[in-house]
Protein backbone atom coordinates (compact mmCIF):
# COMPACT_ATOMS: atom_id res chain seq x y z
CA MET A 1 5.69 -6.43 -8.04
CA PHE A 2 3.78 -8.01 -5.17
CA THR A 3 0.34 -9.53 -4.72
CA GLY A 4 -0.57 -8.51 -1.17
CA ILE A 5 -0.50 -12.13 0.04
CA VAL A 6 1.61 -11.93 3.20
CA GLU A 7 4.10 -14.79 3.46
CA GLU A 8 5.01 -14.33 7.10
CA THR A 9 5.38 -11.74 9.81
CA GLY A 10 8.85 -10.64 10.83
CA GLU A 11 10.10 -8.65 13.79
CA ILE A 12 12.15 -5.46 13.84
CA VAL A 13 15.11 -6.38 16.02
CA ASP A 14 17.39 -3.38 15.51
CA ILE A 15 17.01 0.25 14.42
CA GLU A 16 19.96 2.44 13.43
CA ASP A 17 19.43 6.13 12.67
CA SER A 18 21.77 8.42 10.73
CA ASP A 19 21.61 11.79 8.98
CA ALA A 20 20.85 9.96 5.71
CA GLY A 21 17.91 7.92 7.01
CA ARG A 22 17.11 4.83 9.04
CA ARG A 23 18.28 1.23 8.82
CA LEU A 24 16.14 -1.65 10.06
CA ARG A 25 17.19 -5.20 10.82
CA ILE A 26 14.26 -7.59 10.59
CA ALA A 27 14.14 -11.16 11.88
CA THR A 28 12.67 -13.62 9.37
CA GLY A 29 12.64 -17.28 8.42
CA PHE A 30 13.27 -16.55 4.72
CA GLU A 31 16.19 -18.65 3.52
CA ASP A 32 16.61 -17.56 -0.11
CA LEU A 33 17.24 -13.83 0.16
CA THR A 34 19.89 -12.06 -1.91
CA GLY A 35 21.41 -8.61 -1.69
CA GLY A 36 19.47 -6.13 -3.83
CA GLN A 37 16.29 -8.18 -3.70
CA SER A 38 12.99 -6.35 -3.32
CA ILE A 39 10.83 -7.22 -0.35
CA SER A 40 7.57 -5.76 0.89
CA VAL A 41 7.70 -4.68 4.53
CA ASP A 42 4.24 -3.63 5.72
CA GLY A 43 3.47 -2.86 2.09
CA ALA A 44 6.55 -0.74 1.37
CA CYS A 45 8.91 -2.04 -1.31
CA LEU A 46 12.39 -2.04 0.26
CA THR A 47 15.76 -3.40 -0.87
CA VAL A 48 17.66 -6.07 1.01
CA GLU A 49 21.09 -4.68 1.94
CA ASP A 50 22.49 -7.52 4.00
CA HIS A 51 21.09 -10.79 5.31
CA ALA A 52 21.67 -14.04 7.14
CA ASP A 53 19.54 -16.81 5.65
CA GLY A 54 16.79 -17.97 7.95
CA GLU A 55 17.68 -15.34 10.54
CA TRP A 56 17.42 -11.70 9.44
CA PHE A 57 17.81 -9.09 6.71
CA SER A 58 18.47 -5.35 6.78
CA VAL A 59 16.95 -2.51 4.74
CA PHE A 60 17.63 1.21 4.50
CA LEU A 61 14.89 3.83 4.52
CA ALA A 62 15.68 7.21 2.97
CA ALA A 63 14.03 10.44 4.12
CA GLU A 64 11.25 10.26 1.50
CA THR A 65 10.30 6.75 2.60
CA LEU A 66 10.18 7.84 6.23
CA GLU A 67 7.95 10.80 5.31
CA ARG A 68 5.43 8.61 3.45
CA THR A 69 5.30 5.72 5.93
CA THR A 70 5.00 5.01 9.63
CA PHE A 71 8.55 3.68 9.86
CA ASP A 72 9.71 6.92 11.46
CA SER A 73 7.90 5.73 14.61
CA ALA A 74 8.83 2.04 14.30
CA THR A 75 10.13 0.35 17.45
CA GLU A 76 12.24 -2.69 18.21
CA GLY A 77 10.05 -5.73 18.75
CA GLN A 78 7.42 -4.48 16.31
CA ALA A 79 5.91 -7.10 14.00
CA VAL A 80 5.77 -6.40 10.26
CA ASN A 81 4.13 -8.13 7.29
CA LEU A 82 6.59 -9.58 4.78
CA GLU A 83 6.23 -10.62 1.14
CA ARG A 84 8.93 -11.35 -1.39
CA ALA A 85 8.50 -10.09 -4.96
CA LEU A 86 6.36 -12.25 -7.24
CA ALA A 87 8.22 -14.65 -9.53
CA ALA A 88 7.00 -14.82 -13.12
CA ASP A 89 5.96 -18.49 -12.84
CA GLU A 90 4.06 -18.18 -9.55
CA ARG A 91 0.31 -18.20 -8.99
CA PHE A 92 -1.22 -14.71 -8.75
CA ASP A 93 -3.59 -14.84 -5.78
CA GLY A 94 -4.03 -11.22 -4.67
CA HIS A 95 -4.03 -8.06 -6.77
CA VAL A 96 -1.31 -5.89 -8.31
CA VAL A 97 0.60 -4.29 -5.44
CA GLN A 98 3.63 -2.18 -6.32
CA GLY A 99 4.89 -1.56 -2.82
CA HIS A 100 4.61 2.19 -3.40
CA VAL A 101 2.84 3.45 -0.29
CA ASP A 102 0.39 6.23 -1.20
CA GLY A 103 -0.19 7.37 2.35
CA THR A 104 -1.29 6.33 5.80
CA THR A 105 -4.61 6.10 7.58
CA GLU A 106 -5.93 5.01 10.97
CA ILE A 107 -8.16 2.22 12.18
CA VAL A 108 -11.48 3.68 13.32
CA ASP A 109 -13.22 0.55 14.57
CA ILE A 110 -12.80 -3.22 14.87
CA GLU A 111 -15.88 -5.41 15.19
CA ARG A 112 -16.16 -9.18 15.50
CA VAL A 113 -18.73 -10.52 13.03
CA GLY A 114 -19.25 -14.24 13.54
CA GLU A 115 -15.92 -15.88 12.76
CA ASP A 116 -14.70 -12.81 10.86
CA TRP A 117 -13.77 -9.25 11.74
CA ALA A 118 -14.83 -5.93 10.21
CA TYR A 119 -12.13 -3.26 10.23
CA THR A 120 -13.13 0.33 9.54
CA PHE A 121 -10.58 2.92 8.40
CA ASP A 122 -10.53 6.64 7.72
CA LEU A 123 -10.58 7.54 4.01
CA PRO A 124 -7.09 8.97 3.42
CA PRO A 125 -7.20 12.61 2.25
CA GLY A 126 -6.44 12.84 -1.46
CA LEU A 127 -7.08 9.14 -2.05
CA GLU A 128 -10.88 9.08 -1.71
CA GLN A 129 -11.48 8.81 -5.46
CA TYR A 130 -9.47 5.59 -5.68
CA VAL A 131 -11.37 3.71 -2.96
CA VAL A 132 -14.55 2.08 -4.29
CA GLU A 133 -16.87 -0.58 -2.94
CA LYS A 134 -15.69 -4.07 -3.97
CA GLY A 135 -12.43 -2.53 -5.20
CA SER A 136 -8.94 -3.56 -4.16
CA VAL A 137 -6.78 -1.86 -1.57
CA ALA A 138 -3.53 -2.85 0.15
CA LEU A 139 -3.31 -2.11 3.88
CA ASP A 140 0.09 -2.72 5.47
CA GLY A 141 0.81 -4.83 2.41
CA ILE A 142 -2.29 -7.02 2.74
CA SER A 143 -4.48 -7.42 -0.36
CA LEU A 144 -8.04 -6.63 0.75
CA THR A 145 -11.43 -5.87 -0.79
CA VAL A 146 -13.43 -2.82 0.21
CA ALA A 147 -16.61 -4.26 1.73
CA ALA A 148 -18.36 -0.95 2.47
CA LEU A 149 -17.75 2.71 1.69
CA ASP A 150 -19.18 5.63 3.64
CA ASP A 151 -18.36 8.81 1.73
CA ALA A 152 -20.43 10.92 4.11
CA GLY A 153 -18.62 9.59 7.14
CA GLY A 154 -15.25 9.50 5.41
CA THR A 155 -14.60 5.84 6.16
CA PHE A 156 -14.34 2.48 4.46
CA SER A 157 -14.47 -1.07 5.80
CA VAL A 158 -12.91 -4.41 4.94
CA ALA A 159 -13.82 -7.93 6.04
CA ILE A 160 -11.01 -9.95 7.60
CA ILE A 161 -11.20 -13.74 7.59
CA PRO A 162 -9.55 -15.79 10.37
CA THR A 163 -6.54 -16.77 8.20
CA THR A 164 -5.72 -13.13 7.41
CA TYR A 165 -6.35 -12.09 11.00
CA HIS A 166 -4.00 -14.66 12.51
CA GLU A 167 -1.26 -14.67 9.84
CA THR A 168 -0.75 -10.90 9.59
CA THR A 169 -0.20 -8.05 12.02
CA LEU A 170 -3.91 -7.11 11.99
CA SER A 171 -4.56 -9.24 15.06
CA ALA A 172 -2.34 -6.90 17.09
CA LYS A 173 -3.89 -3.68 15.79
CA GLU A 174 -6.28 -1.46 17.73
CA PRO A 175 -8.43 1.56 16.87
CA GLY A 176 -6.17 4.56 16.42
CA ASP A 177 -3.26 2.53 15.06
CA PRO A 178 -1.86 3.76 11.72
CA VAL A 179 -1.53 1.58 8.61
CA HIS A 180 0.04 2.01 5.18
CA VAL A 181 -2.31 2.43 2.23
CA GLU A 182 -1.69 1.61 -1.43
CA VAL A 183 -4.64 2.16 -3.74
CA ASP A 184 -5.26 0.27 -6.98
CA VAL A 185 -2.72 1.50 -9.54
CA PHE A 186 -5.16 0.82 -12.39
CA ALA A 187 -7.52 3.43 -10.94
CA LYS A 188 -4.71 5.97 -11.19
CA TYR A 189 -4.08 5.10 -14.84
CA VAL A 190 -7.78 5.41 -15.68
CA GLU A 191 -7.97 8.78 -13.95
CA ARG A 192 -4.95 10.06 -15.85
CA MET A 193 -6.18 8.79 -19.21
CA LEU A 194 -9.60 10.36 -18.70
CA GLY A 195 -7.97 13.61 -17.65
CA MET A 196 -5.80 13.62 -20.77
CA ALA A 197 -8.84 12.82 -22.93
CA ASP A 198 -10.72 15.77 -21.41
CA ARG A 199 -7.71 18.01 -21.98
CA ASP A 200 -7.39 16.92 -25.59
CA ALA A 201 -11.12 17.42 -26.13
CA GLU A 202 -10.90 20.94 -24.73
CA ALA A 203 -7.87 21.68 -26.88
CA GLY A 204 -9.72 20.36 -29.93
CA ALA A 205 -12.68 22.60 -29.16
CA ASP A 206 -10.38 25.61 -28.88
CA VAL A 207 -8.79 24.83 -32.24
CA ALA A 208 -12.21 24.46 -33.85
CA ALA A 209 -13.30 27.80 -32.41
CA VAL A 210 -10.17 29.53 -33.80
CA ARG A 211 -10.69 27.96 -37.23
CA GLU A 212 -14.33 29.07 -37.22
CA ALA A 213 -13.33 32.62 -36.29
CA LEU A 214 -10.70 32.72 -39.03
CA GLY A 215 -13.22 31.44 -41.53
CA GLU A 216 -15.63 34.23 -40.61
CA TYR A 217 -12.82 36.79 -40.85
CA ARG A 218 -12.00 35.70 -44.37
């Protein structure tokens, strides 16, 4: 599990493609990596295959990961947001981020507002019901709060403070650039539980109707 608090930005320094998928080598200053460790790369939970402490680590992306993310168009020299998995005794500063990318969206607009920035994004098709004003969303692995929601226009906005702007890849983004989206997992659980409750209620009503009909028949 992650929190969406980016630790540092790394750089893709090598890309190797094969029939099975794609392997990335990413330069980083992390010195305590181990093989098999989970790490969030632009919000996608990936597994460290090999590494050189304080220099780089490599990850493999299978076909499904490439289909759900923007890594199929990644290039050497590209910066990526990095976060190691949360340790049980660490402070929880962001929100629950699983590293399971739900989809991608594009930046619609970037506006400077005083010392901050307002980034506007398209509402990803199929994920609209999980994006709510003042709710949590992870964009390229960054824990953010939805500042405004425009259902009619199909967009939502987030406010970016200077620290987030300068310490993540957002400062290099422009309108039209794609980003990974992970919605709040708790919203998914609530939706499923409510759906199951409705289903059970409908099933209960059907049973009651059958019992009533049998009673009348008797």
